[in-house]
Amino acid sequence: MLAIAGAALVLHVPAKASAEESLAEQLQRKYASIKDFSADFVHAYQGGVLKKQITERGHVLIKKPGKMRWEYVAPEEKVFVSDGVKMYSYLPQDKQVIVTAVPPDDRASTAAAFLAGRADLARDFTTSPTPLPAGMPAGAVALKLVPKSRQVDYDWLVLAVQPGSLAIVGLVTVDAQGGQSSFSFANLKENVGLSDKAFTFKIPRGVEVVTESSRR
């Protein structure tokens, strides 16, 4: 879901600010100007307790604040949609839709929250330069982000961006079990005017609907 290659990246750093702080601030300003975006993605997961490796592909739409649509097309179809109020997780092979409430900002995962426009780099993370992780687009730079508040689903993350445009081209998270989840983005289009209808999920007929109350 921004590797600073040291001083080689010229970002008009203020006299008393570190390079990584300046990059984080500039990225936050850049991302604040983006109202929506779409991209193709590759999602890879490896490691963890089960030592498994998974690579998936799909397309994502994001509109601030809090709207997301992740459509996985290979190797298995699945859809995750947030309309800003509810999250729908649809697994066609299981004929099941899981419906949950979108958590409030103070309980949202800051990894997803940043992409959906609900987090702030300077406020929510401690930043530091880091080498570009394997699998991220060549030429990108990376910044390690350690959340200032404890997160359930990851310990730290890395954002990869293009040096000139500051477009986010990759996101890597690492959890407490050593599992690494990475997203790389291509064909990124910003401020395309996405309609709210793109984030409306219609529950298919004949599927099991699982809600928070039904799982208690």
Protein backbone atom coordinates (compact mmCIF):
# COMPACT_ATOMS: atom_id res chain seq x y z
CA MET A 1 0.00 0.00 0.00
CA LEU A 2 10.25 6.29 -0.02
CA ALA A 3 13.69 5.24 0.00
CA ILE A 4 15.97 8.09 0.40
CA ALA A 5 19.09 7.22 -1.44
CA GLY A 6 21.05 9.56 0.74
CA ALA A 7 22.19 12.96 -0.28
CA ALA A 8 21.93 12.13 -3.95
CA LEU A 9 18.28 13.11 -3.81
CA VAL A 10 17.99 16.91 -3.90
CA LEU A 11 14.75 17.96 -2.25
CA HIS A 12 15.41 21.59 -1.23
CA VAL A 13 15.97 20.53 2.37
CA PRO A 14 15.45 23.27 4.97
CA ALA A 15 18.64 24.19 6.80
CA LYS A 16 17.69 22.49 10.05
CA ALA A 17 15.67 19.57 8.69
CA SER A 18 17.00 16.12 7.93
CA ALA A 19 16.65 14.78 4.38
CA GLU A 20 14.19 12.06 5.37
CA GLU A 21 12.02 14.56 7.29
CA SER A 22 11.94 16.83 4.25
CA LEU A 23 10.98 13.93 1.99
CA ALA A 24 8.22 12.88 4.36
CA GLU A 25 6.89 16.45 4.51
CA GLN A 26 7.02 16.88 0.73
CA LEU A 27 5.34 13.52 0.20
CA GLN A 28 2.59 14.43 2.65
CA ARG A 29 1.97 17.72 0.81
CA LYS A 30 2.00 15.93 -2.52
CA TYR A 31 -0.39 13.24 -1.32
CA ALA A 32 -2.68 15.81 0.29
CA SER A 33 -3.20 17.31 -3.18
CA ILE A 34 -4.37 13.97 -4.59
CA LYS A 35 -8.13 13.42 -4.31
CA ASP A 36 -8.25 10.01 -5.98
CA PHE A 37 -6.11 7.60 -7.98
CA SER A 38 -6.15 4.30 -9.79
CA ALA A 39 -3.37 1.79 -10.47
CA ASP A 40 -2.55 -1.77 -11.40
CA PHE A 41 -0.85 -3.65 -8.59
CA VAL A 42 1.17 -6.75 -7.80
CA HIS A 43 0.77 -8.01 -4.23
CA ALA A 44 3.41 -10.40 -2.90
CA TYR A 45 3.55 -12.03 0.52
CA GLN A 46 6.34 -14.18 1.88
CA GLY A 47 7.55 -15.57 5.18
CA GLY A 48 5.61 -15.54 8.41
CA VAL A 49 4.83 -18.53 10.59
CA LEU A 50 3.74 -20.72 7.66
CA LYS A 51 6.69 -19.67 5.44
CA LYS A 52 4.35 -19.29 2.50
CA GLN A 53 4.84 -17.29 -0.69
CA ILE A 54 1.96 -15.74 -2.62
CA THR A 55 1.90 -13.38 -5.61
CA GLU A 56 -1.37 -11.81 -6.76
CA ARG A 57 -2.34 -9.15 -9.30
CA GLY A 58 -5.19 -6.72 -9.70
CA HIS A 59 -6.43 -3.15 -9.96
CA VAL A 60 -7.08 -0.59 -7.22
CA LEU A 61 -9.20 2.56 -6.99
CA ILE A 62 -8.86 4.97 -4.06
CA LYS A 63 -10.83 8.11 -3.30
CA LYS A 64 -10.39 10.25 -0.24
CA PRO A 65 -11.50 10.13 2.41
CA GLY A 66 -11.65 6.41 3.16
CA LYS A 67 -12.96 4.91 -0.06
CA MET A 68 -11.07 1.97 -1.61
CA ARG A 69 -11.72 -0.79 -4.13
CA TRP A 70 -9.17 -3.59 -4.53
CA GLU A 71 -10.01 -6.07 -7.30
CA TYR A 72 -7.75 -9.12 -7.46
CA VAL A 73 -7.85 -10.91 -10.81
CA ALA A 74 -5.10 -13.56 -10.56
CA PRO A 75 -4.49 -16.22 -9.50
CA GLU A 76 -7.81 -15.99 -7.64
CA GLU A 77 -10.58 -13.45 -7.97
CA LYS A 78 -11.55 -11.48 -4.86
CA VAL A 79 -12.81 -7.99 -4.13
CA PHE A 80 -12.37 -5.66 -1.15
CA VAL A 81 -14.47 -2.49 -1.12
CA SER A 82 -14.70 0.31 1.43
CA ASP A 83 -17.38 2.94 0.93
CA GLY A 84 -16.02 4.94 3.86
CA VAL A 85 -18.53 3.42 6.29
CA LYS A 86 -18.45 -0.32 5.69
CA MET A 87 -15.85 -2.74 4.32
CA TYR A 88 -16.98 -5.58 2.04
CA SER A 89 -14.71 -8.59 1.48
CA TYR A 90 -16.01 -10.79 -1.34
CA LEU A 91 -14.53 -14.21 -2.03
CA PRO A 92 -16.33 -15.62 -5.10
CA GLN A 93 -14.90 -19.13 -4.73
CA ASP A 94 -16.21 -19.29 -1.17
CA LYS A 95 -19.53 -17.67 -2.14
CA GLN A 96 -19.16 -15.41 0.87
CA VAL A 97 -19.21 -11.69 1.64
CA ILE A 98 -17.81 -10.44 4.95
CA VAL A 99 -19.18 -7.05 6.04
CA THR A 100 -17.42 -5.03 8.75
CA ALA A 101 -17.52 -1.43 9.93
CA VAL A 102 -14.66 0.82 8.83
CA PRO A 103 -12.74 1.62 12.04
CA PRO A 104 -12.53 5.24 13.20
CA ASP A 105 -9.34 7.14 12.40
CA ASP A 106 -7.82 6.50 15.83
CA ARG A 107 -8.17 2.73 15.37
CA ALA A 108 -7.49 2.43 11.64
CA SER A 109 -4.36 0.69 10.39
CA THR A 110 -2.09 3.58 9.44
CA ALA A 111 -0.75 1.64 6.42
CA ALA A 112 -4.17 1.58 4.76
CA ALA A 113 -5.13 4.89 6.35
CA PHE A 114 -2.33 6.76 4.60
CA LEU A 115 -3.38 5.49 1.16
CA ALA A 116 -6.99 6.41 1.92
CA GLY A 117 -6.02 9.89 3.11
CA ARG A 118 -6.55 9.28 6.83
CA ALA A 119 -2.97 9.44 8.17
CA ASP A 120 -0.11 11.92 8.31
CA LEU A 121 3.54 10.91 7.83
CA ALA A 122 5.01 13.37 10.32
CA ARG A 123 2.27 12.91 12.90
CA ASP A 124 1.88 9.14 12.77
CA PHE A 125 5.36 7.82 11.92
CA THR A 126 9.04 8.06 12.77
CA THR A 127 10.92 8.09 9.44
CA SER A 128 14.38 6.94 8.44
CA PRO A 129 16.18 6.21 5.12
CA THR A 130 16.37 2.58 4.03
CA PRO A 131 17.56 0.59 0.98
CA LEU A 132 14.96 -0.03 -1.70
CA PRO A 133 13.32 -3.42 -0.98
CA ALA A 134 13.56 -6.20 -3.56
CA GLY A 135 10.72 -6.20 -6.05
CA MET A 136 10.15 -2.46 -5.96
CA PRO A 137 10.39 -0.51 -9.26
CA ALA A 138 13.94 0.39 -10.29
CA GLY A 139 14.92 4.02 -9.76
CA ALA A 140 12.56 4.55 -6.83
CA VAL A 141 13.73 5.77 -3.43
CA ALA A 142 12.50 4.44 -0.08
CA LEU A 143 11.69 5.59 3.42
CA LYS A 144 11.10 3.36 6.44
CA LEU A 145 8.10 4.36 8.54
CA VAL A 146 7.76 3.12 12.12
CA PRO A 147 4.28 3.84 13.54
CA LYS A 148 4.26 5.93 16.70
CA SER A 149 1.33 3.91 18.04
CA ARG A 150 1.31 0.11 18.12
CA GLN A 151 -0.31 -1.55 15.09
CA VAL A 152 -1.96 -4.96 15.12
CA ASP A 153 -1.18 -5.96 11.54
CA TYR A 154 2.41 -4.72 11.04
CA ASP A 155 5.51 -3.52 12.90
CA TRP A 156 6.85 -1.09 10.26
CA LEU A 157 6.46 -0.24 6.61
CA VAL A 158 8.44 1.11 3.69
CA LEU A 159 7.11 3.50 1.05
CA ALA A 160 8.78 3.60 -2.38
CA VAL A 161 8.37 6.69 -4.55
CA GLN A 162 9.67 8.11 -7.79
CA PRO A 163 12.21 10.87 -6.96
CA GLY A 164 10.86 13.54 -9.31
CA SER A 165 7.09 13.17 -9.14
CA LEU A 166 6.93 11.65 -5.62
CA ALA A 167 4.36 9.19 -7.01
CA ILE A 168 3.97 6.21 -4.69
CA VAL A 169 5.08 3.12 -6.60
CA GLY A 170 5.40 0.63 -3.75
CA LEU A 171 4.42 -0.21 -0.19
CA VAL A 172 6.01 -2.90 2.00
CA THR A 173 4.89 -3.96 5.49
CA VAL A 174 6.58 -6.38 7.92
CA ASP A 175 4.71 -8.08 10.77
CA ALA A 176 5.85 -9.48 14.10
CA GLN A 177 6.20 -13.01 12.65
CA GLY A 178 8.61 -11.81 9.99
CA GLY A 179 6.07 -11.94 7.18
CA GLN A 180 6.55 -9.35 4.45
CA SER A 181 3.68 -8.02 2.36
CA SER A 182 4.49 -5.79 -0.60
CA PHE A 183 2.46 -3.89 -3.17
CA SER A 184 4.04 -2.47 -6.32
CA PHE A 185 1.99 -0.07 -8.43
CA ALA A 186 2.02 0.62 -12.17
CA ASN A 187 -0.09 2.70 -14.57
CA LEU A 188 -0.80 5.14 -11.74
CA LYS A 189 -3.35 7.85 -12.60
CA GLU A 190 -4.01 10.69 -10.16
CA ASN A 191 -7.06 12.96 -9.79
CA VAL A 192 -9.11 11.23 -12.47
CA GLY A 193 -12.45 12.19 -10.91
CA LEU A 194 -13.59 8.79 -9.65
CA SER A 195 -17.32 8.54 -8.97
CA ASP A 196 -18.62 7.42 -5.58
CA LYS A 197 -20.50 4.71 -7.49
CA ALA A 198 -17.18 2.92 -8.02
CA PHE A 199 -17.13 2.26 -4.27
CA THR A 200 -20.66 0.91 -4.00
CA PHE A 201 -20.76 -2.84 -3.45
CA LYS A 202 -23.81 -4.83 -4.46
CA ILE A 203 -23.97 -8.16 -2.66
CA PRO A 204 -24.39 -10.97 -5.24
CA ARG A 205 -27.35 -13.30 -4.97
CA GLY A 206 -26.86 -16.67 -3.37
CA VAL A 207 -23.82 -15.81 -1.25
CA GLU A 208 -23.43 -16.11 2.50
CA VAL A 209 -23.25 -12.73 4.22
CA VAL A 210 -21.12 -12.66 7.39
CA THR A 211 -21.46 -9.63 9.65
CA GLU A 212 -19.80 -8.71 12.95
CA SER A 213 -22.99 -9.57 14.84
CA SER A 214 -23.33 -12.99 13.17
CA ARG A 215 -19.79 -13.95 14.21
CA ARG A 216 -20.37 -13.27 17.93
